[in-house]
N, C-alpha and C. Protein backbone atom coordinates (compact mmCIF):
# COMPACT_ATOMS: atom_id res chain seq x y z
N MET A 1 -126.23 -50.54 -112.07
CA MET A 1 -125.22 -49.49 -112.17
C MET A 1 -125.91 -48.16 -111.90
N ASN A 2 -125.47 -47.47 -110.86
CA ASN A 2 -126.07 -46.17 -110.56
C ASN A 2 -125.46 -45.10 -111.46
N VAL A 3 -126.06 -43.91 -111.39
CA VAL A 3 -125.65 -42.81 -112.26
C VAL A 3 -124.19 -42.43 -112.02
N ASN A 4 -123.77 -42.42 -110.77
CA ASN A 4 -122.40 -42.01 -110.45
C ASN A 4 -121.38 -42.97 -111.06
N SER A 5 -121.61 -44.28 -110.94
CA SER A 5 -120.66 -45.24 -111.52
C SER A 5 -120.70 -45.20 -113.05
N LYS A 6 -121.87 -44.91 -113.61
CA LYS A 6 -121.99 -44.77 -115.06
C LYS A 6 -121.19 -43.56 -115.54
N GLN A 7 -121.28 -42.46 -114.79
CA GLN A 7 -120.51 -41.25 -115.12
C GLN A 7 -119.02 -41.51 -115.01
N LYS A 8 -118.60 -42.27 -114.00
CA LYS A 8 -117.18 -42.59 -113.84
C LYS A 8 -116.68 -43.43 -115.01
N SER A 9 -117.51 -44.39 -115.44
CA SER A 9 -117.12 -45.21 -116.59
C SER A 9 -117.00 -44.38 -117.86
N ILE A 10 -117.94 -43.49 -118.07
CA ILE A 10 -117.88 -42.61 -119.25
C ILE A 10 -116.66 -41.71 -119.17
N TYR A 11 -116.37 -41.22 -117.98
CA TYR A 11 -115.17 -40.38 -117.79
C TYR A 11 -113.90 -41.17 -118.12
N LYS A 12 -113.80 -42.39 -117.61
CA LYS A 12 -112.62 -43.23 -117.87
C LYS A 12 -112.48 -43.53 -119.36
N ILE A 13 -113.58 -43.86 -120.00
CA ILE A 13 -113.54 -44.16 -121.44
C ILE A 13 -113.09 -42.93 -122.21
N THR A 14 -113.58 -41.76 -121.81
CA THR A 14 -113.19 -40.51 -122.48
C THR A 14 -111.71 -40.22 -122.30
N VAL A 15 -111.22 -40.37 -121.08
CA VAL A 15 -109.79 -40.15 -120.82
C VAL A 15 -108.96 -41.14 -121.63
N CYS A 16 -109.38 -42.40 -121.68
CA CYS A 16 -108.66 -43.41 -122.45
C CYS A 16 -108.64 -43.05 -123.93
N ALA A 17 -109.77 -42.61 -124.45
CA ALA A 17 -109.84 -42.23 -125.87
C ALA A 17 -108.90 -41.07 -126.18
N VAL A 18 -108.85 -40.10 -125.29
CA VAL A 18 -107.96 -38.95 -125.50
C VAL A 18 -106.49 -39.40 -125.43
N MET A 19 -106.16 -40.25 -124.48
CA MET A 19 -104.78 -40.74 -124.35
C MET A 19 -104.38 -41.61 -125.54
N ILE A 20 -105.28 -42.45 -126.00
CA ILE A 20 -104.99 -43.28 -127.18
C ILE A 20 -104.75 -42.39 -128.39
N ALA A 21 -105.60 -41.37 -128.55
CA ALA A 21 -105.43 -40.44 -129.67
C ALA A 21 -104.10 -39.69 -129.56
N LEU A 22 -103.75 -39.25 -128.36
CA LEU A 22 -102.48 -38.55 -128.15
C LEU A 22 -101.30 -39.45 -128.48
N GLY A 23 -101.33 -40.68 -128.00
CA GLY A 23 -100.25 -41.63 -128.30
C GLY A 23 -100.14 -41.91 -129.78
N THR A 24 -101.28 -42.01 -130.46
CA THR A 24 -101.27 -42.26 -131.90
C THR A 24 -100.68 -41.09 -132.66
N VAL A 25 -101.07 -39.88 -132.31
CA VAL A 25 -100.51 -38.69 -132.96
C VAL A 25 -99.01 -38.59 -132.71
N LEU A 26 -98.59 -38.84 -131.47
CA LEU A 26 -97.15 -38.79 -131.16
C LEU A 26 -96.38 -39.86 -131.92
N SER A 27 -97.01 -41.01 -132.18
CA SER A 27 -96.32 -42.08 -132.91
C SER A 27 -96.09 -41.71 -134.38
N LEU A 28 -96.86 -40.76 -134.87
CA LEU A 28 -96.69 -40.33 -136.26
C LEU A 28 -95.54 -39.33 -136.43
N ILE A 29 -95.08 -38.78 -135.32
CA ILE A 29 -93.94 -37.85 -135.34
C ILE A 29 -92.69 -38.70 -135.10
N LYS A 30 -91.97 -38.94 -136.16
CA LYS A 30 -90.82 -39.84 -136.07
C LYS A 30 -89.53 -39.03 -136.03
N VAL A 31 -88.84 -39.12 -134.92
CA VAL A 31 -87.55 -38.45 -134.76
C VAL A 31 -86.51 -39.16 -135.61
N TRP A 32 -86.61 -40.50 -135.63
CA TRP A 32 -85.70 -41.32 -136.43
C TRP A 32 -86.42 -42.60 -136.77
N GLU A 33 -86.27 -43.07 -138.00
CA GLU A 33 -86.98 -44.26 -138.45
C GLU A 33 -86.01 -45.29 -139.01
N MET A 34 -86.24 -46.54 -138.63
CA MET A 34 -85.43 -47.66 -139.13
C MET A 34 -85.96 -48.07 -140.50
N PRO A 35 -85.11 -48.65 -141.33
CA PRO A 35 -85.54 -48.99 -142.70
C PRO A 35 -86.60 -50.08 -142.79
N LEU A 36 -86.63 -51.00 -141.86
CA LEU A 36 -87.60 -52.11 -141.91
C LEU A 36 -88.55 -52.07 -140.71
N GLY A 37 -88.99 -50.90 -140.37
CA GLY A 37 -89.91 -50.75 -139.25
C GLY A 37 -89.19 -50.40 -137.96
N GLY A 38 -89.91 -49.72 -137.10
CA GLY A 38 -89.35 -49.24 -135.84
C GLY A 38 -88.90 -47.81 -135.97
N SER A 39 -89.19 -47.03 -134.94
CA SER A 39 -88.80 -45.62 -134.97
C SER A 39 -88.73 -45.06 -133.56
N ILE A 40 -88.04 -43.95 -133.46
CA ILE A 40 -87.98 -43.21 -132.20
C ILE A 40 -89.00 -42.09 -132.32
N THR A 41 -89.90 -42.03 -131.35
CA THR A 41 -90.97 -41.04 -131.36
C THR A 41 -90.92 -40.23 -130.06
N PRO A 42 -91.54 -39.07 -130.05
CA PRO A 42 -91.54 -38.27 -128.82
C PRO A 42 -92.62 -38.74 -127.83
N LEU A 43 -92.28 -39.72 -127.02
CA LEU A 43 -93.11 -40.19 -125.92
C LEU A 43 -94.44 -40.82 -126.34
N SER A 44 -94.48 -41.51 -127.47
CA SER A 44 -95.74 -42.06 -127.95
C SER A 44 -96.30 -43.17 -127.06
N MET A 45 -95.48 -43.81 -126.26
CA MET A 45 -95.97 -44.89 -125.38
C MET A 45 -96.42 -44.37 -124.02
N LEU A 46 -96.03 -43.16 -123.67
CA LEU A 46 -96.36 -42.62 -122.35
C LEU A 46 -97.86 -42.48 -122.11
N PRO A 47 -98.66 -42.04 -123.07
CA PRO A 47 -100.11 -41.96 -122.79
C PRO A 47 -100.73 -43.31 -122.44
N ASN A 48 -100.32 -44.39 -123.12
CA ASN A 48 -100.85 -45.71 -122.76
C ASN A 48 -100.36 -46.16 -121.40
N ALA A 49 -99.11 -45.85 -121.08
CA ALA A 49 -98.59 -46.16 -119.75
C ALA A 49 -99.38 -45.39 -118.69
N PHE A 50 -99.71 -44.16 -119.00
CA PHE A 50 -100.47 -43.30 -118.08
C PHE A 50 -101.84 -43.92 -117.77
N ILE A 51 -102.50 -44.47 -118.79
CA ILE A 51 -103.81 -45.11 -118.57
C ILE A 51 -103.66 -46.27 -117.59
N SER A 52 -102.66 -47.10 -117.78
CA SER A 52 -102.43 -48.25 -116.91
C SER A 52 -102.14 -47.81 -115.49
N VAL A 53 -101.38 -46.74 -115.36
CA VAL A 53 -101.06 -46.22 -114.02
C VAL A 53 -102.31 -45.65 -113.36
N MET A 54 -103.11 -44.92 -114.12
CA MET A 54 -104.30 -44.29 -113.54
C MET A 54 -105.39 -45.28 -113.18
N TYR A 55 -105.69 -46.22 -114.08
CA TYR A 55 -106.87 -47.05 -113.93
C TYR A 55 -106.57 -48.53 -113.70
N GLY A 56 -105.33 -48.93 -113.74
CA GLY A 56 -104.98 -50.31 -113.48
C GLY A 56 -104.77 -51.13 -114.74
N LEU A 57 -104.34 -52.37 -114.55
CA LEU A 57 -103.98 -53.24 -115.66
C LEU A 57 -105.12 -53.53 -116.64
N PRO A 58 -106.33 -53.86 -116.18
CA PRO A 58 -107.37 -54.15 -117.17
C PRO A 58 -107.61 -52.99 -118.14
N TRP A 59 -107.74 -51.80 -117.61
CA TRP A 59 -107.94 -50.62 -118.46
C TRP A 59 -106.71 -50.37 -119.31
N GLY A 60 -105.54 -50.51 -118.73
CA GLY A 60 -104.30 -50.27 -119.46
C GLY A 60 -104.11 -51.25 -120.61
N LEU A 61 -104.41 -52.52 -120.36
CA LEU A 61 -104.24 -53.52 -121.40
C LEU A 61 -105.26 -53.36 -122.53
N VAL A 62 -106.50 -53.04 -122.18
CA VAL A 62 -107.52 -52.82 -123.22
C VAL A 62 -107.16 -51.59 -124.06
N ALA A 63 -106.77 -50.51 -123.40
CA ALA A 63 -106.39 -49.30 -124.14
C ALA A 63 -105.16 -49.56 -125.01
N ALA A 64 -104.19 -50.28 -124.48
CA ALA A 64 -102.99 -50.59 -125.26
C ALA A 64 -103.33 -51.50 -126.44
N PHE A 65 -104.29 -52.40 -126.25
CA PHE A 65 -104.73 -53.25 -127.37
C PHE A 65 -105.37 -52.40 -128.46
N VAL A 66 -106.20 -51.45 -128.07
CA VAL A 66 -106.82 -50.55 -129.06
C VAL A 66 -105.72 -49.77 -129.79
N SER A 67 -104.72 -49.31 -129.05
CA SER A 67 -103.59 -48.61 -129.67
C SER A 67 -102.85 -49.53 -130.64
N SER A 68 -102.70 -50.79 -130.27
CA SER A 68 -101.99 -51.73 -131.15
C SER A 68 -102.76 -51.90 -132.46
N ALA A 69 -104.07 -51.96 -132.38
CA ALA A 69 -104.88 -52.08 -133.60
C ALA A 69 -104.73 -50.83 -134.47
N LEU A 70 -104.69 -49.66 -133.83
CA LEU A 70 -104.48 -48.42 -134.59
C LEU A 70 -103.10 -48.38 -135.24
N GLN A 71 -102.08 -48.80 -134.51
CA GLN A 71 -100.73 -48.82 -135.07
C GLN A 71 -100.65 -49.79 -136.26
N LEU A 72 -101.29 -50.92 -136.11
CA LEU A 72 -101.33 -51.89 -137.19
C LEU A 72 -102.04 -51.31 -138.41
N PHE A 73 -103.18 -50.68 -138.19
CA PHE A 73 -103.93 -50.07 -139.29
C PHE A 73 -103.08 -49.02 -140.01
N LEU A 74 -102.39 -48.19 -139.25
CA LEU A 74 -101.58 -47.12 -139.84
C LEU A 74 -100.35 -47.64 -140.57
N SER A 75 -99.86 -48.81 -140.19
CA SER A 75 -98.63 -49.35 -140.79
C SER A 75 -98.87 -50.50 -141.75
N LEU A 76 -100.10 -50.91 -141.94
CA LEU A 76 -100.38 -52.11 -142.72
C LEU A 76 -99.85 -52.03 -144.14
N GLY A 77 -100.01 -50.89 -144.80
CA GLY A 77 -99.51 -50.75 -146.17
C GLY A 77 -98.01 -50.98 -146.26
N GLU A 78 -97.28 -50.40 -145.32
CA GLU A 78 -95.82 -50.58 -145.30
C GLU A 78 -95.46 -52.04 -145.04
N VAL A 79 -96.12 -52.66 -144.08
CA VAL A 79 -95.83 -54.05 -143.74
C VAL A 79 -96.12 -54.97 -144.93
N LEU A 80 -97.21 -54.72 -145.61
CA LEU A 80 -97.55 -55.55 -146.78
C LEU A 80 -96.55 -55.39 -147.91
N SER A 81 -95.86 -54.26 -147.96
CA SER A 81 -94.88 -54.03 -149.03
C SER A 81 -93.55 -54.75 -148.79
N TRP A 82 -93.37 -55.36 -147.64
CA TRP A 82 -92.11 -56.03 -147.33
C TRP A 82 -91.97 -57.38 -148.01
N GLY A 83 -93.02 -57.89 -148.61
CA GLY A 83 -92.94 -59.17 -149.32
C GLY A 83 -92.79 -60.38 -148.42
N LEU A 84 -93.43 -60.36 -147.29
CA LEU A 84 -93.34 -61.48 -146.35
C LEU A 84 -94.23 -62.64 -146.79
N THR A 85 -93.85 -63.83 -146.41
CA THR A 85 -94.70 -65.00 -146.65
C THR A 85 -95.94 -64.86 -145.76
N PRO A 86 -97.02 -65.57 -146.06
CA PRO A 86 -98.21 -65.47 -145.20
C PRO A 86 -97.92 -65.77 -143.72
N ALA A 87 -97.12 -66.77 -143.45
CA ALA A 87 -96.80 -67.10 -142.05
C ALA A 87 -95.98 -65.98 -141.40
N SER A 88 -95.01 -65.45 -142.14
CA SER A 88 -94.20 -64.35 -141.60
C SER A 88 -95.05 -63.10 -141.40
N LEU A 89 -95.97 -62.85 -142.29
CA LEU A 89 -96.86 -61.70 -142.16
C LEU A 89 -97.71 -61.81 -140.90
N ILE A 90 -98.29 -62.97 -140.68
CA ILE A 90 -99.11 -63.17 -139.47
C ILE A 90 -98.25 -63.02 -138.22
N GLY A 91 -97.06 -63.61 -138.24
CA GLY A 91 -96.15 -63.46 -137.10
C GLY A 91 -95.79 -62.01 -136.84
N THR A 92 -95.53 -61.27 -137.90
CA THR A 92 -95.20 -59.85 -137.76
C THR A 92 -96.37 -59.06 -137.20
N LEU A 93 -97.56 -59.32 -137.71
CA LEU A 93 -98.73 -58.60 -137.23
C LEU A 93 -98.96 -58.87 -135.74
N LEU A 94 -98.75 -60.11 -135.34
CA LEU A 94 -98.94 -60.45 -133.93
C LEU A 94 -97.81 -59.94 -133.04
N LEU A 95 -96.56 -60.32 -133.38
CA LEU A 95 -95.43 -59.98 -132.50
C LEU A 95 -95.04 -58.51 -132.54
N ASP A 96 -95.02 -57.91 -133.74
CA ASP A 96 -94.54 -56.53 -133.85
C ASP A 96 -95.62 -55.48 -133.66
N TYR A 97 -96.87 -55.90 -133.67
CA TYR A 97 -97.94 -54.92 -133.50
C TYR A 97 -98.87 -55.28 -132.35
N ILE A 98 -99.68 -56.30 -132.51
CA ILE A 98 -100.71 -56.59 -131.51
C ILE A 98 -100.10 -56.85 -130.13
N ILE A 99 -99.19 -57.78 -130.03
CA ILE A 99 -98.62 -58.11 -128.71
C ILE A 99 -97.67 -57.01 -128.24
N ALA A 100 -96.80 -56.55 -129.14
CA ALA A 100 -95.77 -55.56 -128.75
C ALA A 100 -96.38 -54.27 -128.20
N TYR A 101 -97.42 -53.79 -128.82
CA TYR A 101 -98.03 -52.55 -128.32
C TYR A 101 -98.97 -52.80 -127.15
N THR A 102 -99.57 -53.98 -127.09
CA THR A 102 -100.48 -54.28 -125.98
C THR A 102 -99.74 -54.41 -124.66
N VAL A 103 -98.52 -54.93 -124.67
CA VAL A 103 -97.80 -55.12 -123.40
C VAL A 103 -97.46 -53.79 -122.72
N VAL A 104 -97.56 -52.69 -123.43
CA VAL A 104 -97.34 -51.38 -122.80
C VAL A 104 -98.38 -51.16 -121.71
N GLY A 105 -99.50 -51.86 -121.81
CA GLY A 105 -100.53 -51.77 -120.78
C GLY A 105 -100.11 -52.32 -119.43
N PHE A 106 -98.97 -53.00 -119.36
CA PHE A 106 -98.44 -53.49 -118.09
C PHE A 106 -97.70 -52.41 -117.29
N ALA A 107 -97.64 -51.21 -117.81
CA ALA A 107 -96.89 -50.13 -117.14
C ALA A 107 -97.37 -49.86 -115.72
N GLY A 108 -98.63 -50.10 -115.46
CA GLY A 108 -99.17 -49.82 -114.13
C GLY A 108 -99.11 -50.99 -113.17
N ILE A 109 -98.33 -52.00 -113.50
CA ILE A 109 -98.30 -53.23 -112.70
C ILE A 109 -97.87 -52.97 -111.25
N TRP A 110 -96.97 -52.03 -111.03
CA TRP A 110 -96.52 -51.70 -109.67
C TRP A 110 -96.98 -50.30 -109.25
N ARG A 111 -98.08 -49.85 -109.78
CA ARG A 111 -98.56 -48.49 -109.51
C ARG A 111 -98.87 -48.26 -108.04
N LYS A 112 -99.22 -49.30 -107.31
CA LYS A 112 -99.53 -49.14 -105.88
C LYS A 112 -98.28 -48.94 -105.04
N ASN A 113 -97.11 -49.09 -105.67
CA ASN A 113 -95.85 -48.86 -104.97
C ASN A 113 -95.38 -47.42 -105.13
N GLY A 114 -96.27 -46.54 -105.56
CA GLY A 114 -95.96 -45.12 -105.65
C GLY A 114 -95.12 -44.76 -106.86
N TYR A 115 -94.45 -43.66 -106.70
CA TYR A 115 -93.68 -43.03 -107.78
C TYR A 115 -92.66 -43.99 -108.39
N MET A 116 -91.87 -44.67 -107.56
CA MET A 116 -90.86 -45.60 -108.08
C MET A 116 -91.53 -46.78 -108.79
N GLY A 117 -92.63 -47.26 -108.28
CA GLY A 117 -93.35 -48.34 -108.92
C GLY A 117 -93.84 -47.97 -110.31
N VAL A 118 -94.26 -46.72 -110.46
CA VAL A 118 -94.72 -46.22 -111.76
C VAL A 118 -93.55 -46.19 -112.74
N CYS A 119 -92.43 -45.66 -112.31
CA CYS A 119 -91.27 -45.56 -113.19
C CYS A 119 -90.73 -46.94 -113.57
N ILE A 120 -90.65 -47.84 -112.60
CA ILE A 120 -90.17 -49.19 -112.88
C ILE A 120 -91.17 -49.94 -113.76
N GLY A 121 -92.46 -49.77 -113.49
CA GLY A 121 -93.48 -50.41 -114.31
C GLY A 121 -93.45 -49.93 -115.76
N THR A 122 -93.21 -48.64 -115.95
CA THR A 122 -93.11 -48.09 -117.30
C THR A 122 -91.91 -48.69 -118.03
N ALA A 123 -90.78 -48.76 -117.35
CA ALA A 123 -89.59 -49.37 -117.96
C ALA A 123 -89.84 -50.84 -118.26
N PHE A 124 -90.47 -51.54 -117.34
CA PHE A 124 -90.79 -52.96 -117.53
C PHE A 124 -91.65 -53.18 -118.78
N ALA A 125 -92.67 -52.34 -118.95
CA ALA A 125 -93.58 -52.48 -120.10
C ALA A 125 -92.83 -52.27 -121.41
N ILE A 126 -91.94 -51.31 -121.44
CA ILE A 126 -91.20 -51.03 -122.68
C ILE A 126 -90.18 -52.15 -122.95
N ILE A 127 -89.61 -52.70 -121.90
CA ILE A 127 -88.71 -53.84 -122.07
C ILE A 127 -89.48 -55.04 -122.63
N LEU A 128 -90.71 -55.24 -122.16
CA LEU A 128 -91.55 -56.30 -122.73
C LEU A 128 -91.80 -56.07 -124.22
N ARG A 129 -92.03 -54.80 -124.57
CA ARG A 129 -92.24 -54.49 -125.99
C ARG A 129 -90.96 -54.81 -126.79
N PHE A 130 -89.81 -54.44 -126.26
CA PHE A 130 -88.54 -54.76 -126.92
C PHE A 130 -88.40 -56.27 -127.12
N ILE A 131 -88.74 -57.04 -126.09
CA ILE A 131 -88.62 -58.50 -126.19
C ILE A 131 -89.49 -59.03 -127.33
N CYS A 132 -90.68 -58.48 -127.50
CA CYS A 132 -91.55 -58.90 -128.62
C CYS A 132 -90.87 -58.64 -129.96
N HIS A 133 -90.31 -57.44 -130.12
CA HIS A 133 -89.63 -57.10 -131.37
C HIS A 133 -88.38 -57.95 -131.57
N TYR A 134 -87.68 -58.21 -130.47
CA TYR A 134 -86.47 -59.03 -130.54
C TYR A 134 -86.80 -60.45 -131.02
N ILE A 135 -87.82 -61.05 -130.42
CA ILE A 135 -88.24 -62.40 -130.82
C ILE A 135 -88.67 -62.40 -132.28
N SER A 136 -89.41 -61.40 -132.68
CA SER A 136 -89.83 -61.29 -134.08
C SER A 136 -88.62 -61.22 -135.00
N GLY A 137 -87.62 -60.45 -134.62
CA GLY A 137 -86.41 -60.33 -135.43
C GLY A 137 -85.68 -61.66 -135.57
N VAL A 138 -85.65 -62.42 -134.50
CA VAL A 138 -84.96 -63.71 -134.52
C VAL A 138 -85.73 -64.74 -135.34
N ILE A 139 -87.05 -64.77 -135.16
CA ILE A 139 -87.87 -65.80 -135.81
C ILE A 139 -88.24 -65.44 -137.25
N ILE A 140 -88.66 -64.21 -137.47
CA ILE A 140 -89.24 -63.83 -138.76
C ILE A 140 -88.25 -63.15 -139.69
N PHE A 141 -87.46 -62.24 -139.16
CA PHE A 141 -86.61 -61.44 -140.02
C PHE A 141 -85.20 -61.97 -140.17
N ASP A 142 -84.98 -63.22 -139.75
CA ASP A 142 -83.66 -63.83 -139.91
C ASP A 142 -83.30 -63.99 -141.39
N ILE A 143 -84.29 -64.00 -142.27
CA ILE A 143 -84.03 -64.15 -143.71
C ILE A 143 -83.27 -62.95 -144.28
N TRP A 144 -83.31 -61.81 -143.56
CA TRP A 144 -82.66 -60.60 -144.06
C TRP A 144 -81.25 -60.41 -143.52
N CYS A 145 -80.78 -61.37 -142.77
CA CYS A 145 -79.41 -61.23 -142.26
C CYS A 145 -78.65 -62.56 -142.34
N PRO A 146 -78.53 -63.15 -143.53
CA PRO A 146 -77.82 -64.42 -143.64
C PRO A 146 -76.32 -64.29 -143.34
N TRP A 147 -75.80 -63.09 -143.37
CA TRP A 147 -74.37 -62.85 -143.16
C TRP A 147 -74.01 -62.68 -141.68
N ALA A 148 -75.01 -62.60 -140.81
CA ALA A 148 -74.72 -62.28 -139.41
C ALA A 148 -75.48 -63.23 -138.48
N ASN A 149 -75.07 -63.25 -137.23
CA ASN A 149 -75.77 -63.98 -136.19
C ASN A 149 -77.11 -63.30 -135.97
N VAL A 150 -78.20 -64.03 -136.16
CA VAL A 150 -79.54 -63.45 -136.09
C VAL A 150 -79.85 -62.90 -134.70
N TRP A 151 -79.31 -63.52 -133.66
CA TRP A 151 -79.55 -63.05 -132.29
C TRP A 151 -78.92 -61.68 -132.07
N VAL A 152 -77.72 -61.51 -132.57
CA VAL A 152 -77.03 -60.22 -132.44
C VAL A 152 -77.68 -59.18 -133.34
N TYR A 153 -78.03 -59.61 -134.55
CA TYR A 153 -78.68 -58.70 -135.50
C TYR A 153 -79.97 -58.14 -134.91
N SER A 154 -80.82 -59.01 -134.38
CA SER A 154 -82.09 -58.57 -133.81
C SER A 154 -81.87 -57.66 -132.60
N LEU A 155 -80.90 -58.00 -131.78
CA LEU A 155 -80.58 -57.18 -130.62
C LEU A 155 -80.14 -55.78 -131.06
N CYS A 156 -79.26 -55.72 -132.03
CA CYS A 156 -78.75 -54.42 -132.49
C CYS A 156 -79.83 -53.62 -133.22
N TYR A 157 -80.56 -54.29 -134.12
CA TYR A 157 -81.58 -53.59 -134.89
C TYR A 157 -82.67 -53.03 -133.98
N ASN A 158 -83.25 -53.89 -133.16
CA ASN A 158 -84.35 -53.45 -132.31
C ASN A 158 -83.88 -52.58 -131.15
N GLY A 159 -82.68 -52.83 -130.67
CA GLY A 159 -82.13 -51.98 -129.63
C GLY A 159 -81.84 -50.57 -130.10
N ALA A 160 -81.57 -50.42 -131.40
CA ALA A 160 -81.23 -49.10 -131.96
C ALA A 160 -82.38 -48.10 -131.81
N TYR A 161 -83.60 -48.57 -131.81
CA TYR A 161 -84.71 -47.63 -131.62
C TYR A 161 -85.44 -47.84 -130.29
N MET A 162 -85.44 -49.08 -129.76
CA MET A 162 -86.15 -49.31 -128.50
C MET A 162 -85.41 -48.78 -127.28
N LEU A 163 -84.08 -48.79 -127.29
CA LEU A 163 -83.34 -48.24 -126.15
C LEU A 163 -83.59 -46.73 -126.02
N PRO A 164 -83.49 -45.95 -127.12
CA PRO A 164 -83.84 -44.53 -126.99
C PRO A 164 -85.31 -44.32 -126.58
N GLU A 165 -86.22 -45.16 -127.10
CA GLU A 165 -87.64 -45.07 -126.71
C GLU A 165 -87.79 -45.33 -125.21
N LEU A 166 -87.07 -46.33 -124.71
CA LEU A 166 -87.11 -46.65 -123.28
C LEU A 166 -86.62 -45.47 -122.46
N ILE A 167 -85.49 -44.94 -122.83
CA ILE A 167 -84.90 -43.82 -122.08
C ILE A 167 -85.82 -42.61 -122.10
N LEU A 168 -86.31 -42.23 -123.28
CA LEU A 168 -87.19 -41.06 -123.39
C LEU A 168 -88.49 -41.25 -122.60
N THR A 169 -89.08 -42.44 -122.71
CA THR A 169 -90.36 -42.67 -122.04
C THR A 169 -90.20 -42.71 -120.52
N VAL A 170 -89.14 -43.32 -120.04
CA VAL A 170 -88.92 -43.36 -118.59
C VAL A 170 -88.62 -41.94 -118.07
N ILE A 171 -87.83 -41.18 -118.80
CA ILE A 171 -87.59 -39.79 -118.39
C ILE A 171 -88.91 -39.02 -118.38
N GLY A 172 -89.74 -39.24 -119.41
CA GLY A 172 -91.05 -38.59 -119.45
C GLY A 172 -91.91 -38.99 -118.26
N ALA A 173 -91.90 -40.28 -117.91
CA ALA A 173 -92.68 -40.74 -116.75
C ALA A 173 -92.14 -40.15 -115.46
N VAL A 174 -90.82 -40.11 -115.33
CA VAL A 174 -90.20 -39.53 -114.13
C VAL A 174 -90.64 -38.07 -113.97
N LEU A 175 -90.57 -37.31 -115.05
CA LEU A 175 -90.95 -35.90 -114.98
C LEU A 175 -92.45 -35.73 -114.79
N LEU A 176 -93.24 -36.51 -115.49
CA LEU A 176 -94.70 -36.39 -115.41
C LEU A 176 -95.21 -36.75 -114.03
N PHE A 177 -94.75 -37.88 -113.50
CA PHE A 177 -95.28 -38.34 -112.22
C PHE A 177 -94.60 -37.69 -111.02
N ARG A 178 -93.69 -36.80 -111.26
CA ARG A 178 -93.10 -36.02 -110.17
C ARG A 178 -94.04 -34.89 -109.76
N SER A 179 -94.87 -34.45 -110.70
CA SER A 179 -95.81 -33.36 -110.45
C SER A 179 -96.89 -33.80 -109.46
N LYS A 180 -97.14 -32.97 -108.45
CA LYS A 180 -98.15 -33.30 -107.45
C LYS A 180 -99.54 -33.38 -108.08
N GLN A 181 -99.82 -32.50 -109.02
CA GLN A 181 -101.13 -32.50 -109.67
C GLN A 181 -101.35 -33.80 -110.46
N ILE A 182 -100.33 -34.23 -111.18
CA ILE A 182 -100.45 -35.47 -111.96
C ILE A 182 -100.56 -36.66 -111.02
N LYS A 183 -99.78 -36.67 -109.94
CA LYS A 183 -99.87 -37.76 -108.97
C LYS A 183 -101.29 -37.86 -108.42
N ARG A 184 -101.88 -36.71 -108.09
CA ARG A 184 -103.23 -36.70 -107.55
C ARG A 184 -104.22 -37.15 -108.62
N PHE A 185 -104.08 -36.64 -109.84
CA PHE A 185 -104.96 -36.99 -110.96
C PHE A 185 -104.88 -38.49 -111.26
N ALA A 186 -103.66 -39.03 -111.24
CA ALA A 186 -103.46 -40.44 -111.56
C ALA A 186 -103.68 -41.36 -110.38
N GLY A 187 -103.80 -40.79 -109.19
CA GLY A 187 -104.01 -41.62 -108.00
C GLY A 187 -102.74 -42.27 -107.51
N VAL A 188 -101.58 -41.65 -107.79
CA VAL A 188 -100.29 -42.18 -107.35
C VAL A 188 -99.71 -41.20 -106.35
N GLU A 189 -99.54 -41.63 -105.15
CA GLU A 189 -98.97 -40.73 -104.13
C GLU A 189 -97.66 -41.26 -103.61
């Protein structure tokens, strides 16, 4: 590894660390919060999507995984207070945190298709995150809705915060990646 490639790696790691920190701070600002987890935040997923768009899927997925671990760490006390069985707790930790936040790293999947690819990839990644929460709601949290169809309940509950998150994040990506400077910085033309 020559000095130039070592400097590029350090630069990428630094940018990823800053974006992960930004996403984590934004996730703590809750515009609206659901009673059993889930909230609307001001663009907290966009920094991780940005990493995937800038550096590709491997970097995006690793950074999103690190973000998922941070989200889990920050929410662990609340999750433990829900009184879940050990199996439900493990399922929640995996589906609602580790997998759900890591899939945001897929935002750059169509980054080589330019501006539209970035916007569609960002929407795709957030839809994947919604699917994780939806499956978790159907499998794990069905015990909290014996009066209703669990499929509809999970759709409504998770859609109540993920749809606004999707809309806000895609609008943020549209505005962010419209800028010529950001396109050049991210390598998206």
